[in-house]
Amino acid sequence: MLIYTATKLTPILESHDMQATFNFYTEILNFTCAAKLDDLSWFSLQKDDIEIMFSIPNTHRNTPKPVMSGSLYIKTNEITTLWENLKNKCEICYPLENFEYGMREFAIFDNNGYLLQFGQEL
């Protein structure tokens, strides 16, 4: 059995429009830039304890558009306020609702089509 300590998970997502992605996360979702390359081919964004990195597509993978089979799930203590601020600024996947598994949540798509879910425990 492999034994090690994992200290953090930071997704690195690809974007074909790095400037639009940078603007979406900083202007709409209020992330801040933690680090970036001058040509904007890579950057790291933070919001409280969350970090997401973006890079231009890897030429070895030859992916014509960004793909992710899942979603990024972000927990918050201000779900209603967040919904009110985002519902008219983003493409909605599903609106704010309460779920039987004890979460109040909604989901949006970012400018790349990545699914971002936001939830708060009921």
C-alpha atoms as a PDB file:
ATOM      1  CA  MET A   1       0.000   0.000   0.000  1.00  0.00           C
ATOM      2  CA  LEU A   2       1.311   3.435  -0.963  1.00  0.00           C
ATOM      3  CA  ILE A   3       1.328   5.771   2.027  1.00  0.00           C
ATOM      4  CA  TYR A   4       1.709   9.503   1.552  1.00  0.00           C
ATOM      5  CA  THR A   5       0.158  12.764   2.658  1.00  0.00           C
ATOM      6  CA  ALA A   6      -1.827  14.745   0.098  1.00  0.00           C
ATOM      7  CA  THR A   7      -1.978  18.402   1.065  1.00  0.00           C
ATOM      8  CA  LYS A   8      -4.062  20.058  -1.645  1.00  0.00           C
ATOM      9  CA  LEU A   9      -5.881  19.489  -4.935  1.00  0.00           C
ATOM     10  CA  THR A  10      -5.566  22.226  -7.545  1.00  0.00           C
ATOM     11  CA  PRO A  11      -7.282  21.639 -10.889  1.00  0.00           C
ATOM     12  CA  ILE A  12      -5.510  22.835 -14.028  1.00  0.00           C
ATOM     13  CA  LEU A  13      -8.060  23.457 -16.773  1.00  0.00           C
ATOM     14  CA  GLU A  14      -7.459  24.322 -20.415  1.00  0.00           C
ATOM     15  CA  SER A  15      -8.903  27.352 -22.161  1.00  0.00           C
ATOM     16  CA  HIS A  16      -8.829  28.434 -25.802  1.00  0.00           C
ATOM     17  CA  ASP A  17      -9.559  32.025 -24.757  1.00  0.00           C
ATOM     18  CA  MET A  18      -7.344  32.789 -21.794  1.00  0.00           C
ATOM     19  CA  GLN A  19      -8.256  36.481 -21.620  1.00  0.00           C
ATOM     20  CA  ALA A  20     -12.007  35.727 -21.530  1.00  0.00           C
ATOM     21  CA  THR A  21     -11.397  33.070 -18.880  1.00  0.00           C
ATOM     22  CA  PHE A  22      -9.301  35.454 -16.813  1.00  0.00           C
ATOM     23  CA  ASN A  23     -12.036  38.095 -17.078  1.00  0.00           C
ATOM     24  CA  PHE A  24     -14.847  35.653 -16.231  1.00  0.00           C
ATOM     25  CA  TYR A  25     -13.195  34.414 -13.052  1.00  0.00           C
ATOM     26  CA  THR A  26     -11.859  37.766 -11.852  1.00  0.00           C
ATOM     27  CA  GLU A  27     -14.734  40.052 -12.863  1.00  0.00           C
ATOM     28  CA  ILE A  28     -17.769  37.783 -12.459  1.00  0.00           C
ATOM     29  CA  LEU A  29     -16.691  35.273  -9.793  1.00  0.00           C
ATOM     30  CA  ASN A  30     -14.376  37.649  -7.909  1.00  0.00           C
ATOM     31  CA  PHE A  31     -11.273  35.445  -7.984  1.00  0.00           C
ATOM     32  CA  THR A  32      -7.896  37.146  -7.734  1.00  0.00           C
ATOM     33  CA  CYS A  33      -4.803  36.390  -9.762  1.00  0.00           C
ATOM     34  CA  ALA A  34      -2.173  34.614  -7.666  1.00  0.00           C
ATOM     35  CA  ALA A  35       0.354  34.199 -10.494  1.00  0.00           C
ATOM     36  CA  LYS A  36       0.526  34.378 -14.288  1.00  0.00           C
ATOM     37  CA  LEU A  37       2.895  34.224 -17.200  1.00  0.00           C
ATOM     38  CA  ASP A  38       3.375  37.451 -19.152  1.00  0.00           C
ATOM     39  CA  ASP A  39       1.855  35.982 -22.312  1.00  0.00           C
ATOM     40  CA  LEU A  40      -1.183  34.756 -20.311  1.00  0.00           C
ATOM     41  CA  SER A  41      -0.598  31.162 -21.443  1.00  0.00           C
ATOM     42  CA  TRP A  42      -0.949  30.077 -17.796  1.00  0.00           C
ATOM     43  CA  PHE A  43      -2.371  31.649 -14.667  1.00  0.00           C
ATOM     44  CA  SER A  44      -3.449  30.706 -11.174  1.00  0.00           C
ATOM     45  CA  LEU A  45      -6.561  32.200  -9.594  1.00  0.00           C
ATOM     46  CA  GLN A  46      -7.695  32.156  -5.971  1.00  0.00           C
ATOM     47  CA  LYS A  47     -10.887  32.779  -4.049  1.00  0.00           C
ATOM     48  CA  ASP A  48     -10.520  32.248  -0.309  1.00  0.00           C
ATOM     49  CA  ASP A  49      -9.253  28.629   0.055  1.00  0.00           C
ATOM     50  CA  ILE A  50      -9.903  27.684  -3.582  1.00  0.00           C
ATOM     51  CA  GLU A  51      -7.242  27.712  -6.287  1.00  0.00           C
ATOM     52  CA  ILE A  52      -7.797  26.973  -9.988  1.00  0.00           C
ATOM     53  CA  MET A  53      -5.115  27.102 -12.657  1.00  0.00           C
ATOM     54  CA  PHE A  54      -5.736  27.620 -16.367  1.00  0.00           C
ATOM     55  CA  SER A  55      -3.434  26.987 -19.300  1.00  0.00           C
ATOM     56  CA  ILE A  56      -3.574  27.087 -23.055  1.00  0.00           C
ATOM     57  CA  PRO A  57      -4.396  23.674 -24.551  1.00  0.00           C
ATOM     58  CA  ASN A  58      -1.653  21.080 -24.497  1.00  0.00           C
ATOM     59  CA  THR A  59      -0.663  20.480 -28.129  1.00  0.00           C
ATOM     60  CA  HIS A  60       0.125  16.828 -27.376  1.00  0.00           C
ATOM     61  CA  ARG A  61      -3.504  16.158 -26.458  1.00  0.00           C
ATOM     62  CA  ASN A  62      -4.979  17.893 -29.536  1.00  0.00           C
ATOM     63  CA  THR A  63      -8.285  18.709 -27.814  1.00  0.00           C
ATOM     64  CA  PRO A  64     -10.421  20.944 -30.057  1.00  0.00           C
ATOM     65  CA  LYS A  65     -12.404  22.383 -27.128  1.00  0.00           C
ATOM     66  CA  PRO A  66     -12.215  22.221 -23.333  1.00  0.00           C
ATOM     67  CA  VAL A  67     -13.761  19.055 -21.895  1.00  0.00           C
ATOM     68  CA  MET A  68     -14.415  17.799 -18.392  1.00  0.00           C
ATOM     69  CA  SER A  69     -16.727  14.915 -17.614  1.00  0.00           C
ATOM     70  CA  GLY A  70     -17.566  16.247 -14.156  1.00  0.00           C
ATOM     71  CA  SER A  71     -17.893  19.593 -12.471  1.00  0.00           C
ATOM     72  CA  LEU A  72     -16.202  21.819  -9.935  1.00  0.00           C
ATOM     73  CA  TYR A  73     -18.281  21.958  -6.749  1.00  0.00           C
ATOM     74  CA  ILE A  74     -17.742  25.044  -4.614  1.00  0.00           C
ATOM     75  CA  LYS A  75     -19.212  25.229  -1.127  1.00  0.00           C
ATOM     76  CA  THR A  76     -20.232  28.588   0.271  1.00  0.00           C
ATOM     77  CA  ASN A  77     -22.028  30.060   3.274  1.00  0.00           C
ATOM     78  CA  GLU A  78     -23.753  32.713   1.140  1.00  0.00           C
ATOM     79  CA  ILE A  79     -25.595  30.675  -1.517  1.00  0.00           C
ATOM     80  CA  THR A  80     -28.625  32.967  -1.869  1.00  0.00           C
ATOM     81  CA  THR A  81     -26.539  36.134  -2.219  1.00  0.00           C
ATOM     82  CA  LEU A  82     -24.236  34.405  -4.697  1.00  0.00           C
ATOM     83  CA  TRP A  83     -27.201  33.209  -6.760  1.00  0.00           C
ATOM     84  CA  GLU A  84     -28.717  36.697  -6.849  1.00  0.00           C
ATOM     85  CA  ASN A  85     -25.402  38.146  -8.046  1.00  0.00           C
ATOM     86  CA  LEU A  86     -24.710  35.519 -10.722  1.00  0.00           C
ATOM     87  CA  LYS A  87     -28.102  34.481 -12.140  1.00  0.00           C
ATOM     88  CA  ASN A  88     -28.192  37.258 -14.759  1.00  0.00           C
ATOM     89  CA  LYS A  89     -24.461  37.209 -15.585  1.00  0.00           C
ATOM     90  CA  CYS A  90     -23.896  33.544 -16.451  1.00  0.00           C
ATOM     91  CA  GLU A  91     -25.306  30.682 -18.447  1.00  0.00           C
ATOM     92  CA  ILE A  92     -27.413  28.705 -15.962  1.00  0.00           C
ATOM     93  CA  CYS A  93     -27.336  24.905 -15.844  1.00  0.00           C
ATOM     94  CA  TYR A  94     -29.956  24.706 -13.077  1.00  0.00           C
ATOM     95  CA  PRO A  95     -31.386  27.377 -10.760  1.00  0.00           C
ATOM     96  CA  LEU A  96     -31.149  27.661  -6.994  1.00  0.00           C
ATOM     97  CA  GLU A  97     -32.995  24.825  -5.307  1.00  0.00           C
ATOM     98  CA  ASN A  98     -32.989  22.641  -2.208  1.00  0.00           C
ATOM     99  CA  PHE A  99     -32.089  18.988  -2.617  1.00  0.00           C
ATOM    100  CA  GLU A 100     -33.105  16.000  -0.494  1.00  0.00           C
ATOM    101  CA  TYR A 101     -29.449  15.240   0.241  1.00  0.00           C
ATOM    102  CA  GLY A 102     -29.274  18.370   2.387  1.00  0.00           C
ATOM    103  CA  MET A 103     -27.810  20.955   0.030  1.00  0.00           C
ATOM    104  CA  ARG A 104     -29.133  24.217  -1.411  1.00  0.00           C
ATOM    105  CA  GLU A 105     -27.359  24.729  -4.708  1.00  0.00           C
ATOM    106  CA  PHE A 106     -27.273  25.990  -8.279  1.00  0.00           C
ATOM    107  CA  ALA A 107     -24.997  25.466 -11.258  1.00  0.00           C
ATOM    108  CA  ILE A 108     -23.604  27.670 -14.020  1.00  0.00           C
ATOM    109  CA  PHE A 109     -21.294  27.232 -16.987  1.00  0.00           C
ATOM    110  CA  ASP A 110     -18.135  29.311 -17.243  1.00  0.00           C
ATOM    111  CA  ASN A 111     -17.034  30.854 -20.543  1.00  0.00           C
ATOM    112  CA  ASN A 112     -15.335  27.577 -21.541  1.00  0.00           C
ATOM    113  CA  GLY A 113     -18.389  25.428 -20.866  1.00  0.00           C
ATOM    114  CA  TYR A 114     -17.045  24.003 -17.589  1.00  0.00           C
ATOM    115  CA  LEU A 115     -19.808  23.254 -15.089  1.00  0.00           C
ATOM    116  CA  LEU A 116     -19.480  25.088 -11.778  1.00  0.00           C
ATOM    117  CA  GLN A 117     -21.808  24.034  -8.991  1.00  0.00           C
ATOM    118  CA  PHE A 118     -22.257  26.120  -5.851  1.00  0.00           C
ATOM    119  CA  GLY A 119     -23.768  24.643  -2.691  1.00  0.00           C
ATOM    120  CA  GLN A 120     -24.555  25.322   0.928  1.00  0.00           C
ATOM    121  CA  GLU A 121     -25.657  22.834   3.539  1.00  0.00           C
ATOM    122  CA  LEU A 122     -29.265  23.225   4.627  1.00  0.00           C
END
